[in-house]
Amino acid sequence: MENKQKIIIIAVAAVLVIAAGIGFWYWSKSKQSSQGAPSLGGQIFDKTQNQLQGQVPDTNPFKDQKNPFDTIYKNPFE
């Protein structure tokens, strides 16, 4: 008799765990579909992103010259 009770308890617990898993999966899917409307956090995130990403020009005047002082000062120890 005790073995049957243990099996019934384990079966009920397994069914409850499976039902909770299916309920959580359904809840998370329904929550994802309702996130189409922008929230306050989403609006703040969009406003704090880099607006100039990839649009900043290269302003290095010395990109062809390794040391800008080579033409002005000659090193006496070379």
PDB file of N, CA and C in Angstrom:
ATOM      1  N   MET A   1       0.819  -1.188   0.000  1.00  0.00           N
ATOM      2  CA  MET A   1       0.000   0.000   0.000  1.00  0.00           C
ATOM      3  C   MET A   1       0.870   1.261   0.000  1.00  0.00           C
ATOM      4  N   GLU A   2       1.973   1.223   0.731  1.00  0.00           N
ATOM      5  CA  GLU A   2       2.834   2.413   0.795  1.00  0.00           C
ATOM      6  C   GLU A   2       3.535   2.653  -0.531  1.00  0.00           C
ATOM      7  N   ASN A   3       3.874   1.603  -1.254  1.00  0.00           N
ATOM      8  CA  ASN A   3       4.517   1.765  -2.547  1.00  0.00           C
ATOM      9  C   ASN A   3       3.581   2.443  -3.535  1.00  0.00           C
ATOM     10  N   LYS A   4       2.307   2.098  -3.510  1.00  0.00           N
ATOM     11  CA  LYS A   4       1.334   2.722  -4.401  1.00  0.00           C
ATOM     12  C   LYS A   4       1.177   4.202  -4.080  1.00  0.00           C
ATOM     13  N   GLN A   5       1.215   4.555  -2.796  1.00  0.00           N
ATOM     14  CA  GLN A   5       1.108   5.965  -2.410  1.00  0.00           C
ATOM     15  C   GLN A   5       2.330   6.747  -2.878  1.00  0.00           C
ATOM     16  N   LYS A   6       3.500   6.156  -2.744  1.00  0.00           N
ATOM     17  CA  LYS A   6       4.719   6.833  -3.206  1.00  0.00           C
ATOM     18  C   LYS A   6       4.696   7.042  -4.708  1.00  0.00           C
ATOM     19  N   ILE A   7       4.240   6.039  -5.435  1.00  0.00           N
ATOM     20  CA  ILE A   7       4.159   6.157  -6.898  1.00  0.00           C
ATOM     21  C   ILE A   7       3.145   7.226  -7.284  1.00  0.00           C
ATOM     22  N   ILE A   8       2.025   7.263  -6.587  1.00  0.00           N
ATOM     23  CA  ILE A   8       1.000   8.280  -6.877  1.00  0.00           C
ATOM     24  C   ILE A   8       1.543   9.678  -6.567  1.00  0.00           C
ATOM     25  N   ILE A   9       2.235   9.833  -5.467  1.00  0.00           N
ATOM     26  CA  ILE A   9       2.798  11.136  -5.087  1.00  0.00           C
ATOM     27  C   ILE A   9       3.837  11.580  -6.112  1.00  0.00           C
ATOM     28  N   ILE A  10       4.694  10.653  -6.542  1.00  0.00           N
ATOM     29  CA  ILE A  10       5.718  10.990  -7.548  1.00  0.00           C
ATOM     30  C   ILE A  10       5.063  11.347  -8.874  1.00  0.00           C
ATOM     31  N   ALA A  11       4.029  10.625  -9.268  1.00  0.00           N
ATOM     32  CA  ALA A  11       3.326  10.909 -10.520  1.00  0.00           C
ATOM     33  C   ALA A  11       2.645  12.278 -10.463  1.00  0.00           C
ATOM     34  N   VAL A  12       2.004  12.587  -9.348  1.00  0.00           N
ATOM     35  CA  VAL A  12       1.343  13.889  -9.197  1.00  0.00           C
ATOM     36  C   VAL A  12       2.385  15.011  -9.224  1.00  0.00           C
ATOM     37  N   ALA A  13       3.505  14.793  -8.559  1.00  0.00           N
ATOM     38  CA  ALA A  13       4.564  15.803  -8.562  1.00  0.00           C
ATOM     39  C   ALA A  13       5.117  16.008  -9.970  1.00  0.00           C
ATOM     40  N   ALA A  14       5.302  14.922 -10.723  1.00  0.00           N
ATOM     41  CA  ALA A  14       5.793  15.030 -12.093  1.00  0.00           C
ATOM     42  C   ALA A  14       4.801  15.782 -12.977  1.00  0.00           C
ATOM     43  N   VAL A  15       3.514  15.483 -12.817  1.00  0.00           N
ATOM     44  CA  VAL A  15       2.491  16.182 -13.600  1.00  0.00           C
ATOM     45  C   VAL A  15       2.483  17.671 -13.255  1.00  0.00           C
ATOM     46  N   LEU A  16       2.619  17.995 -11.978  1.00  0.00           N
ATOM     47  CA  LEU A  16       2.650  19.411 -11.574  1.00  0.00           C
ATOM     48  C   LEU A  16       3.880  20.124 -12.144  1.00  0.00           C
ATOM     49  N   VAL A  17       5.025  19.468 -12.138  1.00  0.00           N
ATOM     50  CA  VAL A  17       6.241  20.084 -12.695  1.00  0.00           C
ATOM     51  C   VAL A  17       6.089  20.303 -14.198  1.00  0.00           C
ATOM     52  N   ILE A  18       5.544  19.316 -14.895  1.00  0.00           N
ATOM     53  CA  ILE A  18       5.330  19.463 -16.336  1.00  0.00           C
ATOM     54  C   ILE A  18       4.319  20.573 -16.619  1.00  0.00           C
ATOM     55  N   ALA A  19       3.241  20.634 -15.848  1.00  0.00           N
ATOM     56  CA  ALA A  19       2.235  21.684 -16.026  1.00  0.00           C
ATOM     57  C   ALA A  19       2.833  23.060 -15.745  1.00  0.00           C
ATOM     58  N   ALA A  20       3.678  23.156 -14.730  1.00  0.00           N
ATOM     59  CA  ALA A  20       4.322  24.443 -14.435  1.00  0.00           C
ATOM     60  C   ALA A  20       5.260  24.842 -15.570  1.00  0.00           C
ATOM     61  N   GLY A  21       5.987  23.889 -16.134  1.00  0.00           N
ATOM     62  CA  GLY A  21       6.882  24.185 -17.263  1.00  0.00           C
ATOM     63  C   GLY A  21       6.123  24.658 -18.481  1.00  0.00           C
ATOM     64  N   ILE A  22       5.023  23.982 -18.801  1.00  0.00           N
ATOM     65  CA  ILE A  22       4.203  24.399 -19.943  1.00  0.00           C
ATOM     66  C   ILE A  22       3.577  25.765 -19.689  1.00  0.00           C
ATOM     67  N   GLY A  23       3.123  26.004 -18.471  1.00  0.00           N
ATOM     68  CA  GLY A  23       2.549  27.313 -18.138  1.00  0.00           C
ATOM     69  C   GLY A  23       3.579  28.430 -18.240  1.00  0.00           C
ATOM     70  N   PHE A  24       4.790  28.171 -17.780  1.00  0.00           N
ATOM     71  CA  PHE A  24       5.838  29.188 -17.878  1.00  0.00           C
ATOM     72  C   PHE A  24       6.197  29.452 -19.331  1.00  0.00           C
ATOM     73  N   TRP A  25       6.282  28.400 -20.134  1.00  0.00           N
ATOM     74  CA  TRP A  25       6.589  28.570 -21.553  1.00  0.00           C
ATOM     75  C   TRP A  25       5.500  29.400 -22.245  1.00  0.00           C
ATOM     76  N   TYR A  26       4.254  29.100 -21.976  1.00  0.00           N
ATOM     77  CA  TYR A  26       3.148  29.845 -22.570  1.00  0.00           C
ATOM     78  C   TYR A  26       3.166  31.298 -22.109  1.00  0.00           C
ATOM     79  N   TRP A  27       3.413  31.520 -20.817  1.00  0.00           N
ATOM     80  CA  TRP A  27       3.460  32.885 -20.277  1.00  0.00           C
ATOM     81  C   TRP A  27       4.597  33.677 -20.908  1.00  0.00           C
ATOM     82  N   SER A  28       5.783  33.063 -21.081  1.00  0.00           N
ATOM     83  CA  SER A  28       6.903  33.788 -21.662  1.00  0.00           C
ATOM     84  C   SER A  28       6.653  34.098 -23.135  1.00  0.00           C
ATOM     85  N   LYS A  29       5.998  33.184 -23.859  1.00  0.00           N
ATOM     86  CA  LYS A  29       5.670  33.450 -25.261  1.00  0.00           C
ATOM     87  C   LYS A  29       4.658  34.579 -25.379  1.00  0.00           C
ATOM     88  N   SER A  30       3.652  34.604 -24.535  1.00  0.00           N
ATOM     89  CA  SER A  30       2.652  35.663 -24.603  1.00  0.00           C
ATOM     90  C   SER A  30       3.244  36.996 -24.169  1.00  0.00           C
ATOM     91  N   LYS A  31       4.201  36.982 -23.262  1.00  0.00           N
ATOM     92  CA  LYS A  31       4.848  38.214 -22.827  1.00  0.00           C
ATOM     93  C   LYS A  31       5.732  38.777 -23.941  1.00  0.00           C
ATOM     94  N   GLN A  32       6.394  37.916 -24.715  1.00  0.00           N
ATOM     95  CA  GLN A  32       7.238  38.371 -25.812  1.00  0.00           C
ATOM     96  C   GLN A  32       6.412  39.013 -26.912  1.00  0.00           C
ATOM     97  N   SER A  33       5.253  38.485 -27.206  1.00  0.00           N
ATOM     98  CA  SER A  33       4.433  39.040 -28.281  1.00  0.00           C
ATOM     99  C   SER A  33       3.817  40.379 -27.890  1.00  0.00           C
ATOM    100  N   SER A  34       3.676  40.652 -26.598  1.00  0.00           N
ATOM    101  CA  SER A  34       3.067  41.911 -26.181  1.00  0.00           C
ATOM    102  C   SER A  34       4.098  43.016 -25.995  1.00  0.00           C
ATOM    103  N   GLN A  35       5.363  42.760 -26.306  1.00  0.00           N
ATOM    104  CA  GLN A  35       6.395  43.776 -26.121  1.00  0.00           C
ATOM    105  C   GLN A  35       6.603  44.617 -27.375  1.00  0.00           C
ATOM    106  N   GLY A  36       5.655  44.661 -28.271  1.00  0.00           N
ATOM    107  CA  GLY A  36       5.776  45.454 -29.474  1.00  0.00           C
ATOM    108  C   GLY A  36       5.709  46.950 -29.176  1.00  0.00           C
ATOM    109  N   ALA A  37       4.995  47.342 -28.136  1.00  0.00           N
ATOM    110  CA  ALA A  37       4.879  48.748 -27.776  1.00  0.00           C
ATOM    111  C   ALA A  37       6.164  49.188 -27.078  1.00  0.00           C
ATOM    112  N   PRO A  38       6.692  50.365 -27.447  1.00  0.00           N
ATOM    113  CA  PRO A  38       7.929  50.818 -26.809  1.00  0.00           C
ATOM    114  C   PRO A  38       7.696  51.182 -25.342  1.00  0.00           C
ATOM    115  N   SER A  39       8.619  50.775 -24.511  1.00  0.00           N
ATOM    116  CA  SER A  39       8.509  51.087 -23.094  1.00  0.00           C
ATOM    117  C   SER A  39       9.459  52.230 -22.762  1.00  0.00           C
ATOM    118  N   LEU A  40       9.390  52.713 -21.536  1.00  0.00           N
ATOM    119  CA  LEU A  40      10.263  53.807 -21.117  1.00  0.00           C
ATOM    120  C   LEU A  40      11.724  53.385 -21.180  1.00  0.00           C
ATOM    121  N   GLY A  41      12.028  52.168 -20.759  1.00  0.00           N
ATOM    122  CA  GLY A  41      13.404  51.681 -20.821  1.00  0.00           C
ATOM    123  C   GLY A  41      13.903  51.589 -22.253  1.00  0.00           C
ATOM    124  N   GLY A  42      13.048  51.155 -23.171  1.00  0.00           N
ATOM    125  CA  GLY A  42      13.422  51.067 -24.579  1.00  0.00           C
ATOM    126  C   GLY A  42      13.668  52.436 -25.185  1.00  0.00           C
ATOM    127  N   GLN A  43      12.859  53.408 -24.799  1.00  0.00           N
ATOM    128  CA  GLN A  43      13.046  54.765 -25.306  1.00  0.00           C
ATOM    129  C   GLN A  43      14.356  55.363 -24.795  1.00  0.00           C
ATOM    130  N   ILE A  44      14.662  55.155 -23.526  1.00  0.00           N
ATOM    131  CA  ILE A  44      15.918  55.659 -22.964  1.00  0.00           C
ATOM    132  C   ILE A  44      17.103  54.977 -23.631  1.00  0.00           C
ATOM    133  N   PHE A  45      17.005  53.664 -23.862  1.00  0.00           N
ATOM    134  CA  PHE A  45      18.090  52.930 -24.509  1.00  0.00           C
ATOM    135  C   PHE A  45      18.340  53.465 -25.909  1.00  0.00           C
ATOM    136  N   ASP A  46      17.279  53.737 -26.671  1.00  0.00           N
ATOM    137  CA  ASP A  46      17.447  54.261 -28.023  1.00  0.00           C
ATOM    138  C   ASP A  46      18.074  55.643 -28.021  1.00  0.00           C
ATOM    139  N   LYS A  47      17.736  56.478 -27.037  1.00  0.00           N
ATOM    140  CA  LYS A  47      18.272  57.840 -26.996  1.00  0.00           C
ATOM    141  C   LYS A  47      19.713  57.895 -26.525  1.00  0.00           C
ATOM    142  N   THR A  48      20.183  56.869 -25.814  1.00  0.00           N
ATOM    143  CA  THR A  48      21.552  56.897 -25.309  1.00  0.00           C
ATOM    144  C   THR A  48      22.535  56.205 -26.240  1.00  0.00           C
ATOM    145  N   GLN A  49      22.102  55.709 -27.381  1.00  0.00           N
ATOM    146  CA  GLN A  49      23.004  55.062 -28.328  1.00  0.00           C
ATOM    147  C   GLN A  49      23.808  56.119 -29.081  1.00  0.00           C
ATOM    148  N   ASN A  50      24.969  55.720 -29.592  1.00  0.00           N
ATOM    149  CA  ASN A  50      25.858  56.612 -30.322  1.00  0.00           C
ATOM    150  C   ASN A  50      25.208  56.982 -31.657  1.00  0.00           C
ATOM    151  N   GLN A  51      24.862  58.239 -31.810  1.00  0.00           N
ATOM    152  CA  GLN A  51      24.202  58.693 -33.029  1.00  0.00           C
ATOM    153  C   GLN A  51      25.174  58.819 -34.204  1.00  0.00           C
ATOM    154  N   LEU A  52      26.469  58.980 -33.935  1.00  0.00           N
ATOM    155  CA  LEU A  52      27.460  59.179 -34.981  1.00  0.00           C
ATOM    156  C   LEU A  52      28.267  57.921 -35.275  1.00  0.00           C
ATOM    157  N   GLN A  53      27.760  56.793 -34.951  1.00  0.00           N
ATOM    158  CA  GLN A  53      28.502  55.561 -35.134  1.00  0.00           C
ATOM    159  C   GLN A  53      28.827  55.336 -36.612  1.00  0.00           C
ATOM    160  N   GLY A  54      30.108  55.284 -36.918  1.00  0.00           N
ATOM    161  CA  GLY A  54      30.560  55.063 -38.281  1.00  0.00           C
ATOM    162  C   GLY A  54      30.530  56.301 -39.150  1.00  0.00           C
ATOM    163  N   GLN A  55      30.184  57.465 -38.627  1.00  0.00           N
ATOM    164  CA  GLN A  55      30.079  58.669 -39.429  1.00  0.00           C
ATOM    165  C   GLN A  55      31.144  59.704 -39.088  1.00  0.00           C
ATOM    166  N   VAL A  56      32.032  59.397 -38.161  1.00  0.00           N
ATOM    167  CA  VAL A  56      33.045  60.354 -37.749  1.00  0.00           C
ATOM    168  C   VAL A  56      34.191  60.334 -38.760  1.00  0.00           C
ATOM    169  N   PRO A  57      34.576  61.491 -39.325  1.00  0.00           N
ATOM    170  CA  PRO A  57      35.661  61.508 -40.310  1.00  0.00           C
ATOM    171  C   PRO A  57      37.023  61.301 -39.640  1.00  0.00           C
ATOM    172  N   ASP A  58      37.979  60.827 -40.421  1.00  0.00           N
ATOM    173  CA  ASP A  58      39.337  60.644 -39.934  1.00  0.00           C
ATOM    174  C   ASP A  58      40.021  62.014 -39.931  1.00  0.00           C
ATOM    175  N   THR A  59      40.399  62.502 -38.756  1.00  0.00           N
ATOM    176  CA  THR A  59      40.971  63.844 -38.641  1.00  0.00           C
ATOM    177  C   THR A  59      42.431  63.819 -38.215  1.00  0.00           C
ATOM    178  N   ASN A  60      43.134  62.725 -38.429  1.00  0.00           N
ATOM    179  CA  ASN A  60      44.535  62.640 -38.043  1.00  0.00           C
ATOM    180  C   ASN A  60      45.389  63.301 -39.124  1.00  0.00           C
ATOM    181  N   PRO A  61      45.996  64.471 -38.838  1.00  0.00           N
ATOM    182  CA  PRO A  61      46.810  65.140 -39.857  1.00  0.00           C
ATOM    183  C   PRO A  61      48.177  64.474 -40.039  1.00  0.00           C
ATOM    184  N   PHE A  62      48.568  63.596 -39.140  1.00  0.00           N
ATOM    185  CA  PHE A  62      49.900  62.994 -39.192  1.00  0.00           C
ATOM    186  C   PHE A  62      49.848  61.523 -39.583  1.00  0.00           C
ATOM    187  N   LYS A  63      48.844  61.079 -40.319  1.00  0.00           N
ATOM    188  CA  LYS A  63      48.728  59.662 -40.619  1.00  0.00           C
ATOM    189  C   LYS A  63      49.823  59.176 -41.567  1.00  0.00           C
ATOM    190  N   ASP A  64      50.383  60.050 -42.406  1.00  0.00           N
ATOM    191  CA  ASP A  64      51.467  59.654 -43.303  1.00  0.00           C
ATOM    192  C   ASP A  64      52.830  59.798 -42.643  1.00  0.00           C
ATOM    193  N   GLN A  65      52.920  60.601 -41.615  1.00  0.00           N
ATOM    194  CA  GLN A  65      54.186  60.895 -40.954  1.00  0.00           C
ATOM    195  C   GLN A  65      54.163  60.283 -39.556  1.00  0.00           C
ATOM    196  N   LYS A  66      55.159  59.451 -39.226  1.00  0.00           N
ATOM    197  CA  LYS A  66      55.154  58.778 -37.929  1.00  0.00           C
ATOM    198  C   LYS A  66      55.448  59.741 -36.792  1.00  0.00           C
ATOM    199  N   ASN A  67      56.409  60.601 -36.953  1.00  0.00           N
ATOM    200  CA  ASN A  67      56.773  61.562 -35.914  1.00  0.00           C
ATOM    201  C   ASN A  67      56.700  62.961 -36.514  1.00  0.00           C
ATOM    202  N   PRO A  68      55.833  63.815 -36.014  1.00  0.00           N
ATOM    203  CA  PRO A  68      55.695  65.147 -36.628  1.00  0.00           C
ATOM    204  C   PRO A  68      56.915  66.034 -36.413  1.00  0.00           C
ATOM    205  N   PHE A  69      57.777  65.683 -35.474  1.00  0.00           N
ATOM    206  CA  PHE A  69      58.946  66.524 -35.215  1.00  0.00           C
ATOM    207  C   PHE A  69      60.177  66.096 -36.005  1.00  0.00           C
ATOM    208  N   ASP A  70      60.079  65.069 -36.842  1.00  0.00           N
ATOM    209  CA  ASP A  70      61.215  64.629 -37.648  1.00  0.00           C
ATOM    210  C   ASP A  70      61.675  65.722 -38.614  1.00  0.00           C
ATOM    211  N   THR A  71      60.747  66.456 -39.165  1.00  0.00           N
ATOM    212  CA  THR A  71      61.128  67.488 -40.130  1.00  0.00           C
ATOM    213  C   THR A  71      61.631  68.745 -39.444  1.00  0.00           C
ATOM    214  N   ILE A  72      61.277  68.963 -38.197  1.00  0.00           N
ATOM    215  CA  ILE A  72      61.676  70.166 -37.473  1.00  0.00           C
ATOM    216  C   ILE A  72      63.010  69.978 -36.770  1.00  0.00           C
ATOM    217  N   TYR A  73      63.210  68.856 -36.129  1.00  0.00           N
ATOM    218  CA  TYR A  73      64.387  68.630 -35.283  1.00  0.00           C
ATOM    219  C   TYR A  73      65.080  67.336 -35.692  1.00  0.00           C
ATOM    220  N   LYS A  74      66.335  67.424 -35.981  1.00  0.00           N
ATOM    221  CA  LYS A  74      67.125  66.255 -36.335  1.00  0.00           C
ATOM    222  C   LYS A  74      67.817  65.732 -35.078  1.00  0.00           C
ATOM    223  N   ASN A  75      67.676  64.459 -34.790  1.00  0.00           N
ATOM    224  CA  ASN A  75      68.279  63.855 -33.598  1.00  0.00           C
ATOM    225  C   ASN A  75      69.810  63.765 -33.800  1.00  0.00           C
ATOM    226  N   PRO A  76      70.587  64.386 -32.899  1.00  0.00           N
ATOM    227  CA  PRO A  76      72.037  64.378 -33.077  1.00  0.00           C
ATOM    228  C   PRO A  76      72.676  63.025 -32.753  1.00  0.00           C
ATOM    229  N   PHE A  77      71.972  62.123 -32.129  1.00  0.00           N
ATOM    230  CA  PHE A  77      72.527  60.829 -31.746  1.00  0.00           C
ATOM    231  C   PHE A  77      72.258  59.719 -32.788  1.00  0.00           C
ATOM    232  N   GLU A  78      71.725  60.059 -33.935  1.00  0.00           N
ATOM    233  CA  GLU A  78      71.505  59.061 -34.977  1.00  0.00           C
ATOM    234  C   GLU A  78      72.742  58.863 -35.797  1.00  0.00           C
TER     235      GLU A  78
END
